Amino acid sequence: MKFIEMTSDTLLKMVDVHEIDAEALEAAGVGSHSILRINLQGDIEVRRPAGWDVIGGLITDFEQHVKEITGLDWAAPDQSA
């Protein structure tokens, strides 16, 4: 599956306030510099010490917006480890 990674600060700049907010991220244990990733389906995952946890999702037309805000394209996780 392909993802774009970002910090939670970047995510908050990108999403509509009705879709996700800082309080929802905080309740999910996300800090201002947490590493997040969004997949092509809009699932939001946060990096934990031993893996990734799904904490929510985006429901609007987010695909192009994610690429514009981050300057990144969708990439598959490195499976070489």
N, C-alpha and C. Protein backbone atom coordinates (compact mmCIF):
# COMPACT_ATOMS: atom_id res chain seq x y z
N MET A 1 0.84 -1.17 0.00
CA MET A 1 0.00 0.00 0.00
C MET A 1 0.89 1.23 0.00
N LYS A 2 0.47 2.28 -0.67
CA LYS A 2 1.25 3.51 -0.76
C LYS A 2 0.76 4.53 0.26
N PHE A 3 1.71 5.35 0.75
CA PHE A 3 1.45 6.34 1.78
C PHE A 3 2.18 7.64 1.47
N ILE A 4 1.75 8.71 2.13
CA ILE A 4 2.53 9.93 2.25
C ILE A 4 2.67 10.20 3.73
N GLU A 5 3.92 10.40 4.19
CA GLU A 5 4.19 10.65 5.60
C GLU A 5 4.29 12.15 5.86
N MET A 6 3.94 12.56 7.08
CA MET A 6 3.98 13.96 7.47
C MET A 6 3.91 14.05 8.99
N THR A 7 4.12 15.24 9.52
CA THR A 7 3.90 15.46 10.95
C THR A 7 2.43 15.83 11.16
N SER A 8 2.00 15.78 12.40
CA SER A 8 0.62 16.15 12.71
C SER A 8 0.38 17.63 12.44
N ASP A 9 1.41 18.48 12.60
CA ASP A 9 1.27 19.89 12.27
C ASP A 9 0.91 20.08 10.80
N THR A 10 1.54 19.33 9.93
CA THR A 10 1.25 19.40 8.50
C THR A 10 -0.16 18.91 8.22
N LEU A 11 -0.57 17.84 8.86
CA LEU A 11 -1.92 17.32 8.67
C LEU A 11 -2.97 18.37 9.04
N LEU A 12 -2.77 19.06 10.15
CA LEU A 12 -3.75 20.06 10.59
C LEU A 12 -3.84 21.24 9.62
N LYS A 13 -2.76 21.57 8.93
CA LYS A 13 -2.79 22.63 7.93
C LYS A 13 -3.62 22.23 6.71
N MET A 14 -3.76 20.94 6.52
CA MET A 14 -4.32 20.39 5.30
C MET A 14 -5.81 20.08 5.38
N VAL A 15 -6.30 19.72 6.55
CA VAL A 15 -7.66 19.19 6.64
C VAL A 15 -8.67 20.23 7.06
N ASP A 16 -9.88 20.01 6.68
CA ASP A 16 -11.02 20.84 7.07
C ASP A 16 -11.28 20.63 8.56
N VAL A 17 -11.57 21.69 9.27
CA VAL A 17 -11.78 21.58 10.73
C VAL A 17 -12.94 20.67 11.09
N HIS A 18 -13.85 20.44 10.17
CA HIS A 18 -14.97 19.54 10.45
C HIS A 18 -14.57 18.07 10.29
N GLU A 19 -13.43 17.83 9.68
CA GLU A 19 -13.02 16.47 9.40
C GLU A 19 -12.17 15.87 10.53
N ILE A 20 -11.21 16.64 11.02
CA ILE A 20 -10.37 16.20 12.14
C ILE A 20 -9.83 17.46 12.81
N ASP A 21 -9.65 17.39 14.11
CA ASP A 21 -9.15 18.57 14.80
C ASP A 21 -8.03 18.20 15.77
N ALA A 22 -7.42 19.21 16.34
CA ALA A 22 -6.29 18.99 17.24
C ALA A 22 -6.70 18.17 18.46
N GLU A 23 -7.90 18.38 18.97
CA GLU A 23 -8.35 17.61 20.14
C GLU A 23 -8.49 16.13 19.82
N ALA A 24 -8.97 15.81 18.62
CA ALA A 24 -9.09 14.40 18.22
C ALA A 24 -7.71 13.76 18.09
N LEU A 25 -6.76 14.50 17.54
CA LEU A 25 -5.40 13.97 17.44
C LEU A 25 -4.78 13.77 18.81
N GLU A 26 -4.98 14.75 19.70
CA GLU A 26 -4.45 14.63 21.05
C GLU A 26 -5.05 13.43 21.78
N ALA A 27 -6.34 13.22 21.62
CA ALA A 27 -7.01 12.07 22.25
C ALA A 27 -6.44 10.75 21.74
N ALA A 28 -5.93 10.75 20.51
CA ALA A 28 -5.33 9.54 19.93
C ALA A 28 -3.86 9.40 20.30
N GLY A 29 -3.36 10.32 21.15
CA GLY A 29 -1.98 10.26 21.60
C GLY A 29 -0.99 10.86 20.62
N VAL A 30 -1.46 11.78 19.78
CA VAL A 30 -0.60 12.41 18.78
C VAL A 30 -0.13 13.76 19.29
N GLY A 31 1.19 13.98 19.24
CA GLY A 31 1.77 15.27 19.60
C GLY A 31 2.05 16.09 18.35
N SER A 32 2.53 17.31 18.55
CA SER A 32 2.72 18.22 17.41
C SER A 32 3.79 17.74 16.43
N HIS A 33 4.69 16.89 16.88
CA HIS A 33 5.74 16.40 16.00
C HIS A 33 5.64 14.89 15.73
N SER A 34 4.50 14.32 16.01
CA SER A 34 4.29 12.89 15.72
C SER A 34 4.36 12.66 14.22
N ILE A 35 4.82 11.49 13.85
CA ILE A 35 4.87 11.13 12.43
C ILE A 35 3.59 10.41 12.08
N LEU A 36 2.93 10.89 11.05
CA LEU A 36 1.69 10.31 10.56
C LEU A 36 1.88 9.89 9.12
N ARG A 37 0.99 9.03 8.66
CA ARG A 37 0.95 8.72 7.24
C ARG A 37 -0.50 8.54 6.83
N ILE A 38 -0.75 8.88 5.58
CA ILE A 38 -2.09 8.75 4.99
C ILE A 38 -1.96 7.85 3.78
N ASN A 39 -2.87 6.86 3.66
CA ASN A 39 -2.81 6.00 2.49
C ASN A 39 -3.79 6.50 1.43
N LEU A 40 -3.80 5.84 0.30
CA LEU A 40 -4.65 6.25 -0.82
C LEU A 40 -6.14 6.19 -0.50
N GLN A 41 -6.52 5.43 0.51
CA GLN A 41 -7.92 5.34 0.91
C GLN A 41 -8.30 6.42 1.93
N GLY A 42 -7.31 7.19 2.39
CA GLY A 42 -7.58 8.26 3.34
C GLY A 42 -7.41 7.88 4.79
N ASP A 43 -6.95 6.66 5.07
CA ASP A 43 -6.71 6.26 6.46
C ASP A 43 -5.53 7.04 7.03
N ILE A 44 -5.68 7.55 8.24
CA ILE A 44 -4.60 8.25 8.93
C ILE A 44 -4.01 7.30 9.96
N GLU A 45 -2.69 7.13 9.91
CA GLU A 45 -2.00 6.26 10.86
C GLU A 45 -0.92 7.07 11.57
N VAL A 46 -0.68 6.74 12.84
CA VAL A 46 0.36 7.39 13.62
C VAL A 46 1.45 6.37 13.91
N ARG A 47 2.70 6.84 13.89
CA ARG A 47 3.84 5.97 14.18
C ARG A 47 3.96 5.81 15.68
N ARG A 48 3.95 4.57 16.12
CA ARG A 48 4.16 4.21 17.52
C ARG A 48 5.53 3.55 17.63
N PRO A 49 6.03 3.29 18.82
CA PRO A 49 7.37 2.70 18.96
C PRO A 49 7.55 1.38 18.20
N ALA A 50 6.49 0.58 18.08
CA ALA A 50 6.66 -0.74 17.45
C ALA A 50 5.81 -0.92 16.19
N GLY A 51 5.31 0.17 15.61
CA GLY A 51 4.50 0.02 14.40
C GLY A 51 3.60 1.22 14.17
N TRP A 52 2.53 0.98 13.43
CA TRP A 52 1.59 2.03 13.05
C TRP A 52 0.20 1.70 13.58
N ASP A 53 -0.54 2.73 14.04
CA ASP A 53 -1.93 2.58 14.49
C ASP A 53 -2.83 3.47 13.65
N VAL A 54 -3.95 2.93 13.17
CA VAL A 54 -4.95 3.74 12.47
C VAL A 54 -5.69 4.57 13.50
N ILE A 55 -5.76 5.89 13.26
CA ILE A 55 -6.42 6.78 14.22
C ILE A 55 -7.59 7.55 13.62
N GLY A 56 -7.85 7.36 12.35
CA GLY A 56 -8.95 8.08 11.72
C GLY A 56 -8.86 8.02 10.22
N GLY A 57 -9.60 8.88 9.58
CA GLY A 57 -9.59 8.90 8.13
C GLY A 57 -10.07 10.22 7.56
N LEU A 58 -9.69 10.45 6.33
CA LEU A 58 -10.13 11.63 5.60
C LEU A 58 -11.25 11.22 4.66
N ILE A 59 -12.27 12.05 4.54
CA ILE A 59 -13.40 11.67 3.71
C ILE A 59 -13.61 12.57 2.50
N THR A 60 -12.90 13.70 2.46
CA THR A 60 -13.07 14.61 1.33
C THR A 60 -12.10 14.26 0.22
N ASP A 61 -12.10 15.03 -0.83
CA ASP A 61 -11.18 14.84 -1.95
C ASP A 61 -9.79 15.31 -1.51
N PHE A 62 -9.05 14.44 -0.86
CA PHE A 62 -7.80 14.79 -0.21
C PHE A 62 -6.56 14.49 -1.02
N GLU A 63 -6.64 13.61 -2.00
CA GLU A 63 -5.45 13.06 -2.66
C GLU A 63 -4.52 14.15 -3.21
N GLN A 64 -5.02 15.04 -4.02
CA GLN A 64 -4.18 16.10 -4.60
C GLN A 64 -3.74 17.09 -3.53
N HIS A 65 -4.61 17.36 -2.59
CA HIS A 65 -4.29 18.31 -1.52
C HIS A 65 -3.12 17.81 -0.67
N VAL A 66 -3.10 16.52 -0.36
CA VAL A 66 -2.00 15.92 0.41
C VAL A 66 -0.68 16.13 -0.33
N LYS A 67 -0.69 15.88 -1.63
CA LYS A 67 0.53 16.03 -2.43
C LYS A 67 0.99 17.48 -2.50
N GLU A 68 0.05 18.41 -2.62
CA GLU A 68 0.41 19.82 -2.70
C GLU A 68 0.99 20.34 -1.39
N ILE A 69 0.36 20.02 -0.27
CA ILE A 69 0.81 20.50 1.04
C ILE A 69 2.16 19.93 1.43
N THR A 70 2.37 18.63 1.19
CA THR A 70 3.61 17.99 1.62
C THR A 70 4.73 18.10 0.60
N GLY A 71 4.39 18.28 -0.67
CA GLY A 71 5.41 18.26 -1.73
C GLY A 71 5.88 16.86 -2.04
N LEU A 72 5.16 15.85 -1.54
CA LEU A 72 5.53 14.44 -1.72
C LEU A 72 4.53 13.72 -2.60
N ASP A 73 4.95 12.59 -3.13
CA ASP A 73 4.07 11.72 -3.90
C ASP A 73 3.88 10.44 -3.10
N TRP A 74 2.89 9.65 -3.50
CA TRP A 74 2.60 8.38 -2.82
C TRP A 74 3.78 7.44 -3.00
N ALA A 75 4.19 6.79 -1.91
CA ALA A 75 5.32 5.86 -1.95
C ALA A 75 5.01 4.63 -1.11
N ALA A 76 5.47 3.49 -1.58
CA ALA A 76 5.30 2.25 -0.83
C ALA A 76 6.34 2.21 0.29
N PRO A 77 5.98 1.63 1.45
CA PRO A 77 6.96 1.50 2.53
C PRO A 77 8.12 0.61 2.10
N ASP A 78 9.30 0.87 2.62
CA ASP A 78 10.48 0.08 2.31
C ASP A 78 10.33 -1.28 2.98
N GLN A 79 10.38 -2.32 2.22
CA GLN A 79 10.23 -3.69 2.72
C GLN A 79 11.56 -4.41 2.88
N SER A 80 12.69 -3.70 2.77
CA SER A 80 14.00 -4.33 2.80
C SER A 80 14.50 -4.63 4.20
N ALA A 81 13.87 -4.07 5.22
CA ALA A 81 14.36 -4.24 6.60
C ALA A 81 14.09 -5.63 7.12
